[in-house]
């Protein structure tokens, strides 16, 4: 087995199970080190066990390389594959892409190329890169200047579409200059601050963002956290019927966020959005390549709640998706 592929796949399965990014980065870094070495040198060093002095290749990663070069599937990879949680959801097979993912340009863990390569490996037809907007400083949100630079990088990858996860500010305006929002393929608008705002104020805030013609997707609408290392957090209070009626009226898709710590919207709100006639977008909200696989969980939730495939924009071919977003 190719040792670079083995190291990257180990990182994928670890990220898919939300392992510590410090652990997964070690395998991705070792893969990048090996990719820069001639194959003959990798084979020679592996046979001789000589990795001392090669920065980025430690004991665990060297053993993976040795087993891969020897012709087998590394035992660590075999174990991860055997224990991986997979889905049998028929809806998952209909998903063509993902509209919400992050790179190390904001608070993701890897370069854009690693996200694009994994999306291709998973069979995605498209992945929208949606790094954060400038208001979210804790996530290294993109200034207009940095977003312009990123657009040039995104254009290098056939699988990628341009996008942003733009903050919905307190007054409902979107946290990026309109000229740049005009240039993007997909805009995901999310509330990240003042999540305990009074119900009427939060409703007005969300309605203003939904009515903005740039908004394509309403991201993780309640802001809740139900598990995970960040602890738990209750959902924001807003008039769900009014918000989802507005989404249906303006063609804004309600995101079914696949992250296990979010599970957002809750089932009861998915039912209201369904009744309102909303479109939906099943997204991973990935912050690492392996987390792109979390859309399995979103597909299972959508299927369990009776969301029909034709109302899920991420089942649409790329041309139809882009026509909807621009319309």
C-alpha atoms as a PDB file:
ATOM      1  CA  UNK A   1       0.000   0.000   0.000  1.00  0.00           C
ATOM      2  CA  UNK A   2       1.205   3.511  -0.752  1.00  0.00           C
ATOM      3  CA  UNK A   3       2.460   4.827   2.613  1.00  0.00           C
ATOM      4  CA  UNK A   4       1.308   8.401   1.930  1.00  0.00           C
ATOM      5  CA  UNK A   5      -2.214   7.160   1.202  1.00  0.00           C
ATOM      6  CA  UNK A   6      -2.118   5.004   4.337  1.00  0.00           C
ATOM      7  CA  UNK A   7      -1.093   7.908   6.562  1.00  0.00           C
ATOM      8  CA  UNK A   8      -3.742  10.204   5.091  1.00  0.00           C
ATOM      9  CA  UNK A   9      -6.456   7.577   5.438  1.00  0.00           C
ATOM     10  CA  UNK A  10      -5.517   6.986   9.081  1.00  0.00           C
ATOM     11  CA  UNK A  11      -5.897  10.725   9.666  1.00  0.00           C
ATOM     12  CA  UNK A  12      -9.241  10.667   7.838  1.00  0.00           C
ATOM     13  CA  UNK A  13     -10.762   7.973  10.056  1.00  0.00           C
ATOM     14  CA  UNK A  14      -9.411   9.633  13.197  1.00  0.00           C
ATOM     15  CA  UNK A  15     -10.916  12.975  12.148  1.00  0.00           C
ATOM     16  CA  UNK A  16     -14.163  11.245  11.209  1.00  0.00           C
ATOM     17  CA  UNK A  17     -14.424  10.078  14.837  1.00  0.00           C
ATOM     18  CA  UNK A  18     -13.498  13.601  16.080  1.00  0.00           C
ATOM     19  CA  UNK A  19     -10.121  12.586  17.501  1.00  0.00           C
ATOM     20  CA  UNK A  20      -7.753  15.218  18.861  1.00  0.00           C
ATOM     21  CA  UNK A  21      -6.431  17.394  16.020  1.00  0.00           C
ATOM     22  CA  UNK A  22      -2.967  17.193  17.579  1.00  0.00           C
ATOM     23  CA  UNK A  23      -2.942  13.432  16.964  1.00  0.00           C
ATOM     24  CA  UNK A  24      -4.345  13.580  13.468  1.00  0.00           C
ATOM     25  CA  UNK A  25      -1.965  16.346  12.415  1.00  0.00           C
ATOM     26  CA  UNK A  26       0.971  14.051  13.152  1.00  0.00           C
ATOM     27  CA  UNK A  27      -0.188  11.585  10.494  1.00  0.00           C
ATOM     28  CA  UNK A  28      -1.001  14.279   7.947  1.00  0.00           C
ATOM     29  CA  UNK A  29       2.366  15.955   8.524  1.00  0.00           C
ATOM     30  CA  UNK A  30       4.199  12.649   8.103  1.00  0.00           C
ATOM     31  CA  UNK A  31       2.300  12.073   4.856  1.00  0.00           C
ATOM     32  CA  UNK A  32       3.404  15.448   3.516  1.00  0.00           C
ATOM     33  CA  UNK A  33       7.022  14.724   4.483  1.00  0.00           C
ATOM     34  CA  UNK A  34       6.970  11.371   2.700  1.00  0.00           C
ATOM     35  CA  UNK A  35       5.273  12.828  -0.369  1.00  0.00           C
ATOM     36  CA  UNK A  36       8.280  15.123  -0.822  1.00  0.00           C
ATOM     37  CA  UNK A  37      10.800  12.239  -0.716  1.00  0.00           C
ATOM     38  CA  UNK A  38      11.772   9.997  -3.660  1.00  0.00           C
ATOM     39  CA  UNK A  39      10.037   6.617  -3.497  1.00  0.00           C
ATOM     40  CA  UNK A  40      13.383   4.835  -3.500  1.00  0.00           C
ATOM     41  CA  UNK A  41      14.519   6.748  -0.412  1.00  0.00           C
ATOM     42  CA  UNK A  42      11.273   5.938   1.402  1.00  0.00           C
ATOM     43  CA  UNK A  43      11.722   2.231   0.619  1.00  0.00           C
ATOM     44  CA  UNK A  44      15.380   2.261   1.644  1.00  0.00           C
ATOM     45  CA  UNK A  45      14.782   4.086   4.923  1.00  0.00           C
ATOM     46  CA  UNK A  46      11.824   1.870   5.725  1.00  0.00           C
ATOM     47  CA  UNK A  47      13.754  -1.346   5.102  1.00  0.00           C
ATOM     48  CA  UNK A  48      16.641  -0.144   7.235  1.00  0.00           C
ATOM     49  CA  UNK A  49      14.423   1.435   9.906  1.00  0.00           C
ATOM     50  CA  UNK A  50      16.326   4.713   9.455  1.00  0.00           C
ATOM     51  CA  UNK A  51      13.919   7.565  10.118  1.00  0.00           C
ATOM     52  CA  UNK A  52      15.983   9.313  12.763  1.00  0.00           C
ATOM     53  CA  UNK A  53      16.631  12.859  11.679  1.00  0.00           C
ATOM     54  CA  UNK A  54      13.651  13.025   9.322  1.00  0.00           C
ATOM     55  CA  UNK A  55      11.493  15.656  10.988  1.00  0.00           C
ATOM     56  CA  UNK A  56       7.833  14.707  11.085  1.00  0.00           C
ATOM     57  CA  UNK A  57       8.248  10.920  11.008  1.00  0.00           C
ATOM     58  CA  UNK A  58       8.079   9.422  14.506  1.00  0.00           C
ATOM     59  CA  UNK A  59       7.703   5.940  15.897  1.00  0.00           C
ATOM     60  CA  UNK A  60       3.990   5.465  15.169  1.00  0.00           C
ATOM     61  CA  UNK A  61       4.102   6.909  11.673  1.00  0.00           C
ATOM     62  CA  UNK A  62       7.330   5.036  10.826  1.00  0.00           C
ATOM     63  CA  UNK A  63       5.632   1.749  11.705  1.00  0.00           C
ATOM     64  CA  UNK A  64       2.744   2.595   9.376  1.00  0.00           C
ATOM     65  CA  UNK A  65       5.256   3.309   6.602  1.00  0.00           C
ATOM     66  CA  UNK A  66       7.135   0.054   7.242  1.00  0.00           C
ATOM     67  CA  UNK A  67       3.974  -2.045   7.060  1.00  0.00           C
ATOM     68  CA  UNK A  68       2.733  -0.252   3.942  1.00  0.00           C
ATOM     69  CA  UNK A  69       6.062  -0.554   2.085  1.00  0.00           C
ATOM     70  CA  UNK A  70       6.169  -4.249   3.029  1.00  0.00           C
ATOM     71  CA  UNK A  71       3.015  -4.744   0.989  1.00  0.00           C
ATOM     72  CA  UNK A  72       0.309  -5.002   3.617  1.00  0.00           C
ATOM     73  CA  UNK A  73      -2.389  -2.787   5.052  1.00  0.00           C
ATOM     74  CA  UNK A  74      -0.901  -1.182   8.176  1.00  0.00           C
ATOM     75  CA  UNK A  75      -2.425  -2.678  11.308  1.00  0.00           C
ATOM     76  CA  UNK A  76      -3.467   0.739  12.627  1.00  0.00           C
ATOM     77  CA  UNK A  77      -5.378   1.471   9.429  1.00  0.00           C
ATOM     78  CA  UNK A  78      -6.961  -1.969   9.396  1.00  0.00           C
ATOM     79  CA  UNK A  79      -8.208  -1.427  12.946  1.00  0.00           C
ATOM     80  CA  UNK A  80      -9.659   1.984  12.138  1.00  0.00           C
ATOM     81  CA  UNK A  81     -11.444   0.633   9.077  1.00  0.00           C
ATOM     82  CA  UNK A  82     -12.887  -2.257  11.079  1.00  0.00           C
ATOM     83  CA  UNK A  83     -14.182   0.004  13.843  1.00  0.00           C
ATOM     84  CA  UNK A  84     -15.419   2.834  11.613  1.00  0.00           C
ATOM     85  CA  UNK A  85     -19.055   3.846  11.920  1.00  0.00           C
ATOM     86  CA  UNK A  86     -20.702   3.729   8.503  1.00  0.00           C
ATOM     87  CA  UNK A  87     -24.199   4.392   7.243  1.00  0.00           C
ATOM     88  CA  UNK A  88     -26.690   2.349   5.255  1.00  0.00           C
ATOM     89  CA  UNK A  89     -28.875   5.389   4.560  1.00  0.00           C
ATOM     90  CA  UNK A  90     -30.206   5.347   0.972  1.00  0.00           C
ATOM     91  CA  UNK A  91     -30.383   9.140   1.141  1.00  0.00           C
ATOM     92  CA  UNK A  92     -26.627   9.361   1.713  1.00  0.00           C
ATOM     93  CA  UNK A  93     -26.064   7.820  -1.721  1.00  0.00           C
ATOM     94  CA  UNK A  94     -28.059  10.645  -3.299  1.00  0.00           C
ATOM     95  CA  UNK A  95     -25.937  13.433  -1.825  1.00  0.00           C
ATOM     96  CA  UNK A  96     -23.683  15.018  -4.419  1.00  0.00           C
ATOM     97  CA  UNK A  97     -21.849  17.561  -2.311  1.00  0.00           C
ATOM     98  CA  UNK A  98     -21.468  19.665   0.804  1.00  0.00           C
ATOM     99  CA  UNK A  99     -22.034  23.418   1.216  1.00  0.00           C
ATOM    100  CA  UNK A 100     -20.256  24.039   4.543  1.00  0.00           C
ATOM    101  CA  UNK A 101     -16.580  23.300   5.264  1.00  0.00           C
ATOM    102  CA  UNK A 102     -13.556  25.087   6.691  1.00  0.00           C
ATOM    103  CA  UNK A 103      -9.816  25.166   6.033  1.00  0.00           C
ATOM    104  CA  UNK A 104      -6.824  26.507   7.948  1.00  0.00           C
ATOM    105  CA  UNK A 105      -7.531  29.906   6.439  1.00  0.00           C
ATOM    106  CA  UNK A 106      -9.966  30.285   9.360  1.00  0.00           C
ATOM    107  CA  UNK A 107     -10.455  27.667  12.101  1.00  0.00           C
ATOM    108  CA  UNK A 108      -9.977  24.456  10.120  1.00  0.00           C
ATOM    109  CA  UNK A 109      -6.942  22.244  10.678  1.00  0.00           C
ATOM    110  CA  UNK A 110      -5.610  21.672   7.142  1.00  0.00           C
ATOM    111  CA  UNK A 111      -4.817  23.530   3.931  1.00  0.00           C
ATOM    112  CA  UNK A 112      -7.446  23.931   1.246  1.00  0.00           C
ATOM    113  CA  UNK A 113      -5.850  21.246  -0.927  1.00  0.00           C
ATOM    114  CA  UNK A 114      -6.349  18.553   1.719  1.00  0.00           C
ATOM    115  CA  UNK A 115     -10.048  19.389   1.941  1.00  0.00           C
ATOM    116  CA  UNK A 116     -10.378  19.281  -1.849  1.00  0.00           C
ATOM    117  CA  UNK A 117      -8.486  15.983  -2.167  1.00  0.00           C
ATOM    118  CA  UNK A 118     -10.669  14.300   0.468  1.00  0.00           C
ATOM    119  CA  UNK A 119     -13.866  15.600  -1.116  1.00  0.00           C
ATOM    120  CA  UNK A 120     -12.764  14.029  -4.397  1.00  0.00           C
ATOM    121  CA  UNK A 121     -11.792  10.787  -2.624  1.00  0.00           C
ATOM    122  CA  UNK A 122     -15.282  10.643  -1.076  1.00  0.00           C
ATOM    123  CA  UNK A 123     -16.874  11.033  -4.496  1.00  0.00           C
ATOM    124  CA  UNK A 124     -18.244  14.538  -3.959  1.00  0.00           C
ATOM    125  CA  UNK A 125     -19.115  16.425  -7.118  1.00  0.00           C
ATOM    126  CA  UNK A 126     -18.625  19.695  -5.266  1.00  0.00           C
ATOM    127  CA  UNK A 127     -17.512  21.100  -1.940  1.00  0.00           C
ATOM    128  CA  UNK A 128     -18.146  24.710  -0.965  1.00  0.00           C
ATOM    129  CA  UNK A 129     -15.324  26.209   1.069  1.00  0.00           C
ATOM    130  CA  UNK A 130     -16.979  28.414   3.703  1.00  0.00           C
ATOM    131  CA  UNK A 131     -14.355  29.862   5.984  1.00  0.00           C
ATOM    132  CA  UNK A 132     -15.544  32.372   8.549  1.00  0.00           C
ATOM    133  CA  UNK A 133     -16.107  36.105   8.089  1.00  0.00           C
ATOM    134  CA  UNK A 134     -14.069  38.821   9.887  1.00  0.00           C
ATOM    135  CA  UNK A 135     -16.388  39.402  12.855  1.00  0.00           C
ATOM    136  CA  UNK A 136     -15.556  35.948  14.226  1.00  0.00           C
ATOM    137  CA  UNK A 137     -12.022  36.815  15.317  1.00  0.00           C
ATOM    138  CA  UNK A 138     -11.668  33.747  17.520  1.00  0.00           C
ATOM    139  CA  UNK A 139     -11.957  31.688  14.311  1.00  0.00           C
ATOM    140  CA  UNK A 140      -9.511  33.871  12.343  1.00  0.00           C
ATOM    141  CA  UNK A 141     -12.307  35.110  10.092  1.00  0.00           C
ATOM    142  CA  UNK A 142     -11.378  36.354   6.632  1.00  0.00           C
ATOM    143  CA  UNK A 143     -11.012  40.058   5.982  1.00  0.00           C
ATOM    144  CA  UNK A 144     -12.084  41.207   2.501  1.00  0.00           C
ATOM    145  CA  UNK A 145      -8.428  41.197   1.449  1.00  0.00           C
ATOM    146  CA  UNK A 146      -7.852  37.620   2.628  1.00  0.00           C
ATOM    147  CA  UNK A 147     -11.106  36.434   1.038  1.00  0.00           C
ATOM    148  CA  UNK A 148     -10.004  37.887  -2.308  1.00  0.00           C
ATOM    149  CA  UNK A 149      -6.737  35.957  -1.972  1.00  0.00           C
ATOM    150  CA  UNK A 150      -8.609  32.787  -1.079  1.00  0.00           C
ATOM    151  CA  UNK A 151     -10.801  33.021  -4.176  1.00  0.00           C
ATOM    152  CA  UNK A 152      -7.680  32.664  -6.299  1.00  0.00           C
ATOM    153  CA  UNK A 153      -6.677  29.541  -4.370  1.00  0.00           C
ATOM    154  CA  UNK A 154     -10.140  27.969  -4.557  1.00  0.00           C
ATOM    155  CA  UNK A 155     -10.153  28.385  -8.341  1.00  0.00           C
ATOM    156  CA  UNK A 156      -7.254  25.899  -8.598  1.00  0.00           C
ATOM    157  CA  UNK A 157      -9.450  22.937  -7.576  1.00  0.00           C
ATOM    158  CA  UNK A 158     -12.174  21.570  -9.830  1.00  0.00           C
ATOM    159  CA  UNK A 159     -14.195  20.104  -6.945  1.00  0.00           C
ATOM    160  CA  UNK A 160     -14.343  23.358  -4.984  1.00  0.00           C
ATOM    161  CA  UNK A 161     -16.941  26.096  -5.132  1.00  0.00           C
ATOM    162  CA  UNK A 162     -16.359  29.479  -3.519  1.00  0.00           C
ATOM    163  CA  UNK A 163     -18.271  30.426  -0.418  1.00  0.00           C
ATOM    164  CA  UNK A 164     -18.264  31.801   3.102  1.00  0.00           C
ATOM    165  CA  UNK A 165     -19.918  31.183   6.439  1.00  0.00           C
ATOM    166  CA  UNK A 166     -20.861  34.766   7.078  1.00  0.00           C
ATOM    167  CA  UNK A 167     -21.825  35.971  10.524  1.00  0.00           C
ATOM    168  CA  UNK A 168     -25.324  37.343  11.004  1.00  0.00           C
ATOM    169  CA  UNK A 169     -24.591  40.520  12.929  1.00  0.00           C
ATOM    170  CA  UNK A 170     -26.808  41.876  15.706  1.00  0.00           C
ATOM    171  CA  UNK A 171     -28.967  43.893  13.281  1.00  0.00           C
ATOM    172  CA  UNK A 172     -29.279  41.027  10.807  1.00  0.00           C
ATOM    173  CA  UNK A 173     -26.756  42.373   8.314  1.00  0.00           C
ATOM    174  CA  UNK A 174     -24.139  40.063   6.821  1.00  0.00           C
ATOM    175  CA  UNK A 175     -20.517  40.357   7.913  1.00  0.00           C
ATOM    176  CA  UNK A 176     -18.805  40.842   4.546  1.00  0.00           C
ATOM    177  CA  UNK A 177     -18.780  43.498   1.845  1.00  0.00           C
ATOM    178  CA  UNK A 178     -21.614  43.022  -0.695  1.00  0.00           C
ATOM    179  CA  UNK A 179     -19.205  43.172  -3.650  1.00  0.00           C
ATOM    180  CA  UNK A 180     -17.470  40.031  -2.417  1.00  0.00           C
ATOM    181  CA  UNK A 181     -20.694  38.243  -1.502  1.00  0.00           C
ATOM    182  CA  UNK A 182     -21.774  38.865  -5.115  1.00  0.00           C
ATOM    183  CA  UNK A 183     -18.721  36.931  -6.329  1.00  0.00           C
ATOM    184  CA  UNK A 184     -19.273  33.830  -4.206  1.00  0.00           C
ATOM    185  CA  UNK A 185     -21.043  30.692  -5.380  1.00  0.00           C
ATOM    186  CA  UNK A 186     -22.765  29.952  -2.041  1.00  0.00           C
ATOM    187  CA  UNK A 187     -23.279  31.997   1.131  1.00  0.00           C
ATOM    188  CA  UNK A 188     -24.066  30.257   4.434  1.00  0.00           C
ATOM    189  CA  UNK A 189     -25.332  32.754   7.028  1.00  0.00           C
ATOM    190  CA  UNK A 190     -25.074  31.800  10.710  1.00  0.00           C
ATOM    191  CA  UNK A 191     -25.505  33.362  14.142  1.00  0.00           C
ATOM    192  CA  UNK A 192     -22.378  32.957  16.288  1.00  0.00           C
ATOM    193  CA  UNK A 193     -22.725  35.715  18.884  1.00  0.00           C
ATOM    194  CA  UNK A 194     -25.283  36.839  21.461  1.00  0.00           C
ATOM    195  CA  UNK A 195     -27.049  33.492  21.187  1.00  0.00           C
ATOM    196  CA  UNK A 196     -29.204  34.330  24.232  1.00  0.00           C
ATOM    197  CA  UNK A 197     -30.725  37.401  22.594  1.00  0.00           C
ATOM    198  CA  UNK A 198     -34.409  37.949  23.387  1.00  0.00           C
ATOM    199  CA  UNK A 199     -36.775  35.960  21.175  1.00  0.00           C
ATOM    200  CA  UNK A 200     -38.286  38.911  19.286  1.00  0.00           C
ATOM    201  CA  UNK A 201     -34.862  40.456  18.662  1.00  0.00           C
ATOM    202  CA  UNK A 202     -33.371  37.154  17.490  1.00  0.00           C
ATOM    203  CA  UNK A 203     -36.324  36.570  15.188  1.00  0.00           C
ATOM    204  CA  UNK A 204     -35.942  40.021  13.622  1.00  0.00           C
ATOM    205  CA  UNK A 205     -32.184  39.473  13.304  1.00  0.00           C
ATOM    206  CA  UNK A 206     -32.628  36.152  11.488  1.00  0.00           C
ATOM    207  CA  UNK A 207     -35.416  37.438   9.250  1.00  0.00           C
ATOM    208  CA  UNK A 208     -33.248  40.332   8.080  1.00  0.00           C
ATOM    209  CA  UNK A 209     -30.465  37.930   7.121  1.00  0.00           C
ATOM    210  CA  UNK A 210     -32.831  35.549   5.331  1.00  0.00           C
ATOM    211  CA  UNK A 211     -34.255  38.437   3.294  1.00  0.00           C
ATOM    212  CA  UNK A 212     -30.779  39.505   2.203  1.00  0.00           C
ATOM    213  CA  UNK A 213     -30.527  38.306  -1.418  1.00  0.00           C
ATOM    214  CA  UNK A 214     -26.988  37.023  -0.807  1.00  0.00           C
ATOM    215  CA  UNK A 215     -28.098  34.398   1.750  1.00  0.00           C
ATOM    216  CA  UNK A 216     -28.417  30.880   0.343  1.00  0.00           C
ATOM    217  CA  UNK A 217     -28.300  28.702   3.472  1.00  0.00           C
ATOM    218  CA  UNK A 218     -29.301  29.365   7.094  1.00  0.00           C
ATOM    219  CA  UNK A 219     -26.559  27.622   9.080  1.00  0.00           C
ATOM    220  CA  UNK A 220     -27.033  25.690  12.379  1.00  0.00           C
ATOM    221  CA  UNK A 221     -30.052  27.814  13.188  1.00  0.00           C
ATOM    222  CA  UNK A 222     -30.430  27.247  16.947  1.00  0.00           C
ATOM    223  CA  UNK A 223     -26.735  27.394  17.877  1.00  0.00           C
ATOM    224  CA  UNK A 224     -27.214  24.565  20.355  1.00  0.00           C
ATOM    225  CA  UNK A 225     -24.550  22.095  21.544  1.00  0.00           C
ATOM    226  CA  UNK A 226     -25.754  18.730  22.826  1.00  0.00           C
ATOM    227  CA  UNK A 227     -22.441  16.924  23.471  1.00  0.00           C
ATOM    228  CA  UNK A 228     -18.700  17.130  22.964  1.00  0.00           C
ATOM    229  CA  UNK A 229     -15.590  18.794  24.339  1.00  0.00           C
ATOM    230  CA  UNK A 230     -17.117  22.294  24.334  1.00  0.00           C
ATOM    231  CA  UNK A 231     -19.872  21.198  26.710  1.00  0.00           C
ATOM    232  CA  UNK A 232     -23.565  21.730  26.106  1.00  0.00           C
ATOM    233  CA  UNK A 233     -25.525  24.857  25.245  1.00  0.00           C
ATOM    234  CA  UNK A 234     -29.243  25.465  24.946  1.00  0.00           C
ATOM    235  CA  UNK A 235     -30.819  26.615  21.725  1.00  0.00           C
ATOM    236  CA  UNK A 236     -31.491  30.223  20.823  1.00  0.00           C
ATOM    237  CA  UNK A 237     -35.080  31.427  21.135  1.00  0.00           C
ATOM    238  CA  UNK A 238     -36.800  32.613  17.945  1.00  0.00           C
ATOM    239  CA  UNK A 239     -40.149  32.318  16.200  1.00  0.00           C
ATOM    240  CA  UNK A 240     -39.437  29.166  14.201  1.00  0.00           C
ATOM    241  CA  UNK A 241     -42.568  29.401  12.069  1.00  0.00           C
ATOM    242  CA  UNK A 242     -41.802  32.976  11.029  1.00  0.00           C
ATOM    243  CA  UNK A 243     -38.157  32.146  10.293  1.00  0.00           C
ATOM    244  CA  UNK A 244     -38.939  29.038   8.254  1.00  0.00           C
ATOM    245  CA  UNK A 245     -41.801  30.716   6.395  1.00  0.00           C
ATOM    246  CA  UNK A 246     -39.276  33.387   5.373  1.00  0.00           C
ATOM    247  CA  UNK A 247     -36.762  30.731   4.298  1.00  0.00           C
ATOM    248  CA  UNK A 248     -39.425  29.120   2.094  1.00  0.00           C
ATOM    249  CA  UNK A 249     -40.468  32.472   0.646  1.00  0.00           C
ATOM    250  CA  UNK A 250     -36.930  33.529  -0.225  1.00  0.00           C
ATOM    251  CA  UNK A 251     -35.601  30.146  -1.325  1.00  0.00           C
ATOM    252  CA  UNK A 252     -33.106  29.910   1.547  1.00  0.00           C
ATOM    253  CA  UNK A 253     -32.190  26.340   2.497  1.00  0.00           C
ATOM    254  CA  UNK A 254     -32.319  25.313   6.150  1.00  0.00           C
ATOM    255  CA  UNK A 255     -29.082  23.561   7.030  1.00  0.00           C
ATOM    256  CA  UNK A 256     -29.204  20.122   8.620  1.00  0.00           C
ATOM    257  CA  UNK A 257     -25.863  20.391  10.370  1.00  0.00           C
ATOM    258  CA  UNK A 258     -24.252  16.954  10.592  1.00  0.00           C
ATOM    259  CA  UNK A 259     -21.881  17.557  13.475  1.00  0.00           C
ATOM    260  CA  UNK A 260     -22.838  15.245  16.367  1.00  0.00           C
ATOM    261  CA  UNK A 261     -22.363  18.004  18.926  1.00  0.00           C
ATOM    262  CA  UNK A 262     -24.880  20.208  17.094  1.00  0.00           C
ATOM    263  CA  UNK A 263     -27.609  17.977  15.600  1.00  0.00           C
ATOM    264  CA  UNK A 264     -29.136  21.243  14.501  1.00  0.00           C
ATOM    265  CA  UNK A 265     -32.015  21.880  13.893  1.00  0.00           C
ATOM    266  CA  UNK A 266     -33.683  19.652  16.483  1.00  0.00           C
ATOM    267  CA  UNK A 267     -36.221  17.188  15.108  1.00  0.00           C
ATOM    268  CA  UNK A 268     -39.176  19.340  16.178  1.00  0.00           C
ATOM    269  CA  UNK A 269     -37.859  22.279  14.141  1.00  0.00           C
ATOM    270  CA  UNK A 270     -37.157  20.102  11.095  1.00  0.00           C
ATOM    271  CA  UNK A 271     -40.856  19.212  11.204  1.00  0.00           C
ATOM    272  CA  UNK A 272     -41.847  22.904  11.238  1.00  0.00           C
ATOM    273  CA  UNK A 273     -39.462  23.666   8.353  1.00  0.00           C
ATOM    274  CA  UNK A 274     -40.894  20.750   6.374  1.00  0.00           C
ATOM    275  CA  UNK A 275     -44.431  22.001   6.918  1.00  0.00           C
ATOM    276  CA  UNK A 276     -43.371  25.507   5.878  1.00  0.00           C
ATOM    277  CA  UNK A 277     -42.137  24.151   2.532  1.00  0.00           C
ATOM    278  CA  UNK A 278     -38.450  24.806   3.102  1.00  0.00           C
ATOM    279  CA  UNK A 279     -35.509  23.525   1.136  1.00  0.00           C
ATOM    280  CA  UNK A 280     -32.727  21.851   3.126  1.00  0.00           C
ATOM    281  CA  UNK A 281     -28.966  21.470   2.856  1.00  0.00           C
ATOM    282  CA  UNK A 282     -27.228  18.514   4.529  1.00  0.00           C
ATOM    283  CA  UNK A 283     -23.758  19.798   5.434  1.00  0.00           C
ATOM    284  CA  UNK A 284     -20.779  18.462   7.349  1.00  0.00           C
ATOM    285  CA  UNK A 285     -19.510  21.757   8.821  1.00  0.00           C
ATOM    286  CA  UNK A 286     -16.141  20.000   8.530  1.00  0.00           C
ATOM    287  CA  UNK A 287     -13.075  21.560  10.123  1.00  0.00           C
ATOM    288  CA  UNK A 288     -10.789  18.716   9.004  1.00  0.00           C
ATOM    289  CA  UNK A 289     -10.827  16.434   5.938  1.00  0.00           C
ATOM    290  CA  UNK A 290     -12.128  13.393   7.806  1.00  0.00           C
ATOM    291  CA  UNK A 291     -15.043  15.389   9.150  1.00  0.00           C
ATOM    292  CA  UNK A 292     -16.429  15.650   5.612  1.00  0.00           C
ATOM    293  CA  UNK A 293     -17.647  12.119   6.310  1.00  0.00           C
ATOM    294  CA  UNK A 294     -19.995  13.443   8.979  1.00  0.00           C
ATOM    295  CA  UNK A 295     -22.619  14.072   6.304  1.00  0.00           C
ATOM    296  CA  UNK A 296     -23.468  10.380   6.839  1.00  0.00           C
ATOM    297  CA  UNK A 297     -25.014  11.451  10.157  1.00  0.00           C
ATOM    298  CA  UNK A 298     -26.901  14.330   8.602  1.00  0.00           C
ATOM    299  CA  UNK A 299     -28.337  12.038   5.944  1.00  0.00           C
ATOM    300  CA  UNK A 300     -29.546   9.634   8.630  1.00  0.00           C
ATOM    301  CA  UNK A 301     -31.263  12.451  10.552  1.00  0.00           C
ATOM    302  CA  UNK A 302     -32.909  13.853   7.430  1.00  0.00           C
ATOM    303  CA  UNK A 303     -34.147  10.417   6.429  1.00  0.00           C
ATOM    304  CA  UNK A 304     -35.463   9.698   9.927  1.00  0.00           C
ATOM    305  CA  UNK A 305     -37.404  12.976   9.824  1.00  0.00           C
ATOM    306  CA  UNK A 306     -38.932  12.288   6.431  1.00  0.00           C
ATOM    307  CA  UNK A 307     -37.130  15.010   4.467  1.00  0.00           C
ATOM    308  CA  UNK A 308     -37.636  14.199   0.753  1.00  0.00           C
ATOM    309  CA  UNK A 309     -34.516  14.078  -1.405  1.00  0.00           C
ATOM    310  CA  UNK A 310     -35.863  16.550  -3.968  1.00  0.00           C
ATOM    311  CA  UNK A 311     -36.019  19.259  -1.296  1.00  0.00           C
ATOM    312  CA  UNK A 312     -32.370  18.744  -0.318  1.00  0.00           C
ATOM    313  CA  UNK A 313     -30.182  21.042  -2.420  1.00  0.00           C
ATOM    314  CA  UNK A 314     -27.086  18.906  -1.825  1.00  0.00           C
ATOM    315  CA  UNK A 315     -28.706  16.130  -3.898  1.00  0.00           C
ATOM    316  CA  UNK A 316     -28.816  18.465  -6.910  1.00  0.00           C
ATOM    317  CA  UNK A 317     -26.221  18.473  -9.710  1.00  0.00           C
ATOM    318  CA  UNK A 318     -23.817  21.370  -9.616  1.00  0.00           C
ATOM    319  CA  UNK A 319     -25.494  23.330 -12.428  1.00  0.00           C
ATOM    320  CA  UNK A 320     -28.877  23.215 -10.734  1.00  0.00           C
ATOM    321  CA  UNK A 321     -27.300  24.137  -7.412  1.00  0.00           C
ATOM    322  CA  UNK A 322     -25.543  27.183  -8.855  1.00  0.00           C
ATOM    323  CA  UNK A 323     -28.671  28.332 -10.700  1.00  0.00           C
ATOM    324  CA  UNK A 324     -30.595  28.175  -7.402  1.00  0.00           C
ATOM    325  CA  UNK A 325     -27.877  30.019  -5.472  1.00  0.00           C
ATOM    326  CA  UNK A 326     -27.617  32.801  -8.044  1.00  0.00           C
ATOM    327  CA  UNK A 327     -31.399  33.052  -8.350  1.00  0.00           C
END
